[in-house]
Amino acid sequence: METDSLDPEKLLQCPYDKNHQIRACRFPYHLIKCRKNHPDVASKLATCPFNARHQVPRAEISHHISSCDDRSCIEQDVVNQTRSLRQETLAESTWQCPPCDEDWDKDVWEQTSTPFIWGTTHYSDNNSPASNIVTEHKNNLASGMRVPKSLPYVLPWKNSKIILLFSLC
């Protein structure tokens, strides 16, 4: 019987028009179309909260909800979901943060004090943590190329008119 209820070729009767016999695989599409074509019948029917294919007279919806076959499937899904959520919460609550050996304050002091220049490479001699001596500048540009002296756009605070205004004050 279980296989029969899942058969896509099984014919089902339309709740809006008793003359309509629809294959199970097309039934949801037919319900939407027929509901629009029969608004008077649609207003007298209620949709089951467990299976939208179940269109029941409004007066009988309470009884249908308490005895719907799909209710047990939904309830079982809720129970399974609750169990898995409890297990995840339990696993999450026992997790501890691994120890961290990073020291951001120390890293700030160890950084090189040389500015970044596009197209060049800086090499530092880090014999001591506080040492930031640049030993070599190497240009990685091809011959005939040069490093630009400015950015390709003008920054608002580098505008010469603003500088003139401040110098006049």
Protein backbone atom coordinates (compact mmCIF):
# COMPACT_ATOMS: atom_id res chain seq x y z
CA MET A 1 0.00 0.00 0.00
CA GLU A 2 2.93 2.36 0.78
CA THR A 3 4.28 2.00 -2.78
CA ASP A 4 0.78 2.59 -4.18
CA SER A 5 0.40 5.94 -2.40
CA LEU A 6 3.74 7.14 -3.85
CA ASP A 7 2.98 5.99 -7.41
CA PRO A 8 3.30 9.06 -9.71
CA GLU A 9 0.84 7.53 -12.19
CA LYS A 10 -1.90 6.97 -9.59
CA LEU A 11 -5.09 8.92 -10.41
CA LEU A 12 -6.37 11.34 -7.77
CA GLN A 13 -9.71 13.11 -7.69
CA CYS A 14 -9.68 16.90 -7.80
CA PRO A 15 -11.35 18.49 -4.75
CA TYR A 16 -12.63 21.41 -6.86
CA ASP A 17 -14.21 19.43 -9.70
CA LYS A 18 -15.26 15.81 -9.07
CA ASN A 19 -15.00 15.04 -12.82
CA HIS A 20 -11.23 15.69 -12.82
CA GLN A 21 -8.97 12.67 -12.39
CA ILE A 22 -5.31 13.78 -12.25
CA ARG A 23 -2.07 11.80 -12.10
CA ALA A 24 -0.34 12.16 -8.70
CA CYS A 25 2.78 13.69 -10.26
CA ARG A 26 0.70 16.55 -11.77
CA PHE A 27 -1.69 16.99 -8.83
CA PRO A 28 -0.02 20.01 -7.14
CA TYR A 29 0.00 21.96 -10.42
CA HIS A 30 -3.61 21.06 -11.10
CA LEU A 31 -4.68 22.21 -7.62
CA ILE A 32 -3.27 25.68 -8.21
CA LYS A 33 -4.92 25.98 -11.62
CA CYS A 34 -8.28 24.58 -10.49
CA ARG A 35 -8.34 26.75 -7.33
CA LYS A 36 -8.19 29.83 -9.59
CA ASN A 37 -10.91 28.48 -11.86
CA HIS A 38 -13.27 27.61 -8.98
CA PRO A 39 -13.00 30.43 -6.37
CA ASP A 40 -16.46 29.63 -4.93
CA VAL A 41 -15.43 26.04 -4.08
CA ALA A 42 -11.97 27.19 -2.94
CA SER A 43 -13.52 29.50 -0.34
CA LYS A 44 -15.26 26.49 1.27
CA LEU A 45 -12.10 24.35 1.48
CA ALA A 46 -9.15 24.58 3.88
CA THR A 47 -5.58 23.41 3.23
CA CYS A 48 -4.03 20.82 5.52
CA PRO A 49 -0.96 22.24 7.33
CA PHE A 50 0.88 18.91 6.90
CA ASN A 51 0.25 18.35 3.18
CA ALA A 52 -0.91 21.09 0.79
CA ARG A 53 -2.44 18.42 -1.46
CA HIS A 54 -5.10 17.81 1.17
CA GLN A 55 -8.01 20.18 0.53
CA VAL A 56 -10.67 19.57 3.17
CA PRO A 57 -14.06 21.25 3.85
CA ARG A 58 -13.52 23.99 6.47
CA ALA A 59 -15.89 22.32 8.93
CA GLU A 60 -13.81 19.12 8.89
CA ILE A 61 -10.28 20.60 9.07
CA SER A 62 -9.87 20.04 12.84
CA HIS A 63 -10.73 16.37 12.50
CA HIS A 64 -8.45 16.03 9.46
CA ILE A 65 -5.51 17.65 11.30
CA SER A 66 -5.84 15.24 14.23
CA SER A 67 -5.98 12.18 11.94
CA CYS A 68 -3.82 13.20 8.94
CA ASP A 69 -1.32 10.50 7.88
CA ASP A 70 1.32 13.13 7.08
CA ARG A 71 1.17 14.49 10.63
CA SER A 72 3.23 11.59 11.96
CA CYS A 73 5.96 12.25 9.36
CA ILE A 74 6.16 15.93 10.34
CA GLU A 75 6.14 15.13 14.06
CA GLN A 76 8.92 12.55 13.55
CA ASP A 77 10.98 15.15 11.66
CA VAL A 78 10.51 17.63 14.53
CA VAL A 79 11.58 15.00 17.08
CA ASN A 80 14.67 14.08 15.02
CA GLN A 81 15.56 17.73 14.53
CA THR A 82 15.23 18.42 18.27
CA ARG A 83 17.47 15.45 19.09
CA SER A 84 20.16 16.53 16.63
CA LEU A 85 19.98 20.11 17.95
CA ARG A 86 20.52 18.84 21.52
CA GLN A 87 23.52 16.79 20.39
CA GLU A 88 25.02 19.81 18.56
CA THR A 89 24.48 22.00 21.63
CA LEU A 90 26.14 19.41 23.87
CA ALA A 91 29.11 19.11 21.52
CA GLU A 92 29.35 22.88 21.26
CA SER A 93 29.27 23.45 25.02
CA THR A 94 32.31 21.18 25.64
CA TRP A 95 34.49 22.89 23.04
CA GLN A 96 37.38 24.95 24.38
CA CYS A 97 39.39 27.57 22.59
CA PRO A 98 42.92 26.37 21.76
CA PRO A 99 45.77 28.33 23.38
CA CYS A 100 47.08 31.22 21.33
CA ASP A 101 50.75 32.13 21.27
CA GLU A 102 50.30 35.31 19.22
CA ASP A 103 51.42 38.59 20.74
CA TRP A 104 50.16 41.48 18.63
CA ASP A 105 51.97 44.07 20.75
CA LYS A 106 55.28 42.31 20.13
CA ASP A 107 54.51 42.07 16.40
CA VAL A 108 54.03 45.86 16.18
CA TRP A 109 57.51 46.47 17.57
CA GLU A 110 59.09 43.92 15.23
CA GLN A 111 57.64 45.40 12.02
CA THR A 112 60.00 47.19 9.68
CA SER A 113 59.87 50.98 9.80
CA THR A 114 60.58 51.39 6.09
CA PRO A 115 57.66 52.56 3.96
CA PHE A 116 56.18 50.41 1.22
CA ILE A 117 57.36 51.47 -2.25
CA TRP A 118 55.73 49.90 -5.28
CA GLY A 119 58.12 47.86 -7.41
CA THR A 120 60.93 47.57 -4.85
CA THR A 121 61.89 44.86 -2.41
CA HIS A 122 63.20 45.58 1.08
CA TYR A 123 65.41 43.15 2.92
CA SER A 124 65.78 43.44 6.69
CA ASP A 125 68.49 42.12 8.95
CA ASN A 126 66.55 40.75 11.91
CA ASN A 127 69.41 39.64 14.15
CA SER A 128 67.62 41.27 17.07
CA PRO A 129 63.85 41.76 17.38
CA ALA A 130 64.08 45.55 17.54
CA SER A 131 66.49 45.82 14.60
CA ASN A 132 64.92 47.25 11.46
CA ILE A 133 67.96 48.02 9.34
CA VAL A 134 67.41 48.00 5.58
CA THR A 135 70.41 46.34 3.98
CA GLU A 136 69.43 46.34 0.32
CA HIS A 137 66.91 47.93 -2.06
CA LYS A 138 66.24 45.94 -5.19
CA ASN A 139 64.12 47.25 -8.04
CA ASN A 140 62.05 44.50 -9.66
CA LEU A 141 60.97 46.60 -12.65
CA ALA A 142 62.08 45.80 -16.18
CA SER A 143 64.80 47.98 -17.68
CA GLY A 144 63.46 51.24 -19.07
CA MET A 145 60.62 51.27 -16.49
CA ARG A 146 60.51 53.53 -13.47
CA VAL A 147 58.49 53.68 -10.28
CA PRO A 148 55.70 56.31 -10.47
CA LYS A 149 56.28 59.38 -8.32
CA SER A 150 52.57 59.81 -7.51
CA LEU A 151 49.33 57.86 -7.45
CA PRO A 152 47.21 57.79 -10.63
CA TYR A 153 44.59 59.96 -8.94
CA VAL A 154 44.68 63.15 -6.91
CA LEU A 155 43.86 62.83 -3.24
CA PRO A 156 41.58 65.61 -1.90
CA TRP A 157 44.02 66.67 0.83
CA LYS A 158 46.87 66.90 -1.72
CA ASN A 159 45.04 69.52 -3.77
CA SER A 160 47.27 72.62 -4.13
CA LYS A 161 44.32 75.07 -3.76
CA ILE A 162 43.53 73.74 -0.29
CA ILE A 163 47.19 74.04 0.71
CA LEU A 164 47.22 77.67 -0.49
CA LEU A 165 44.13 78.48 1.56
CA PHE A 166 45.72 77.07 4.71
CA SER A 167 48.99 78.89 4.11
CA LEU A 168 47.18 82.26 3.72
CA CYS A 169 45.45 81.95 7.11
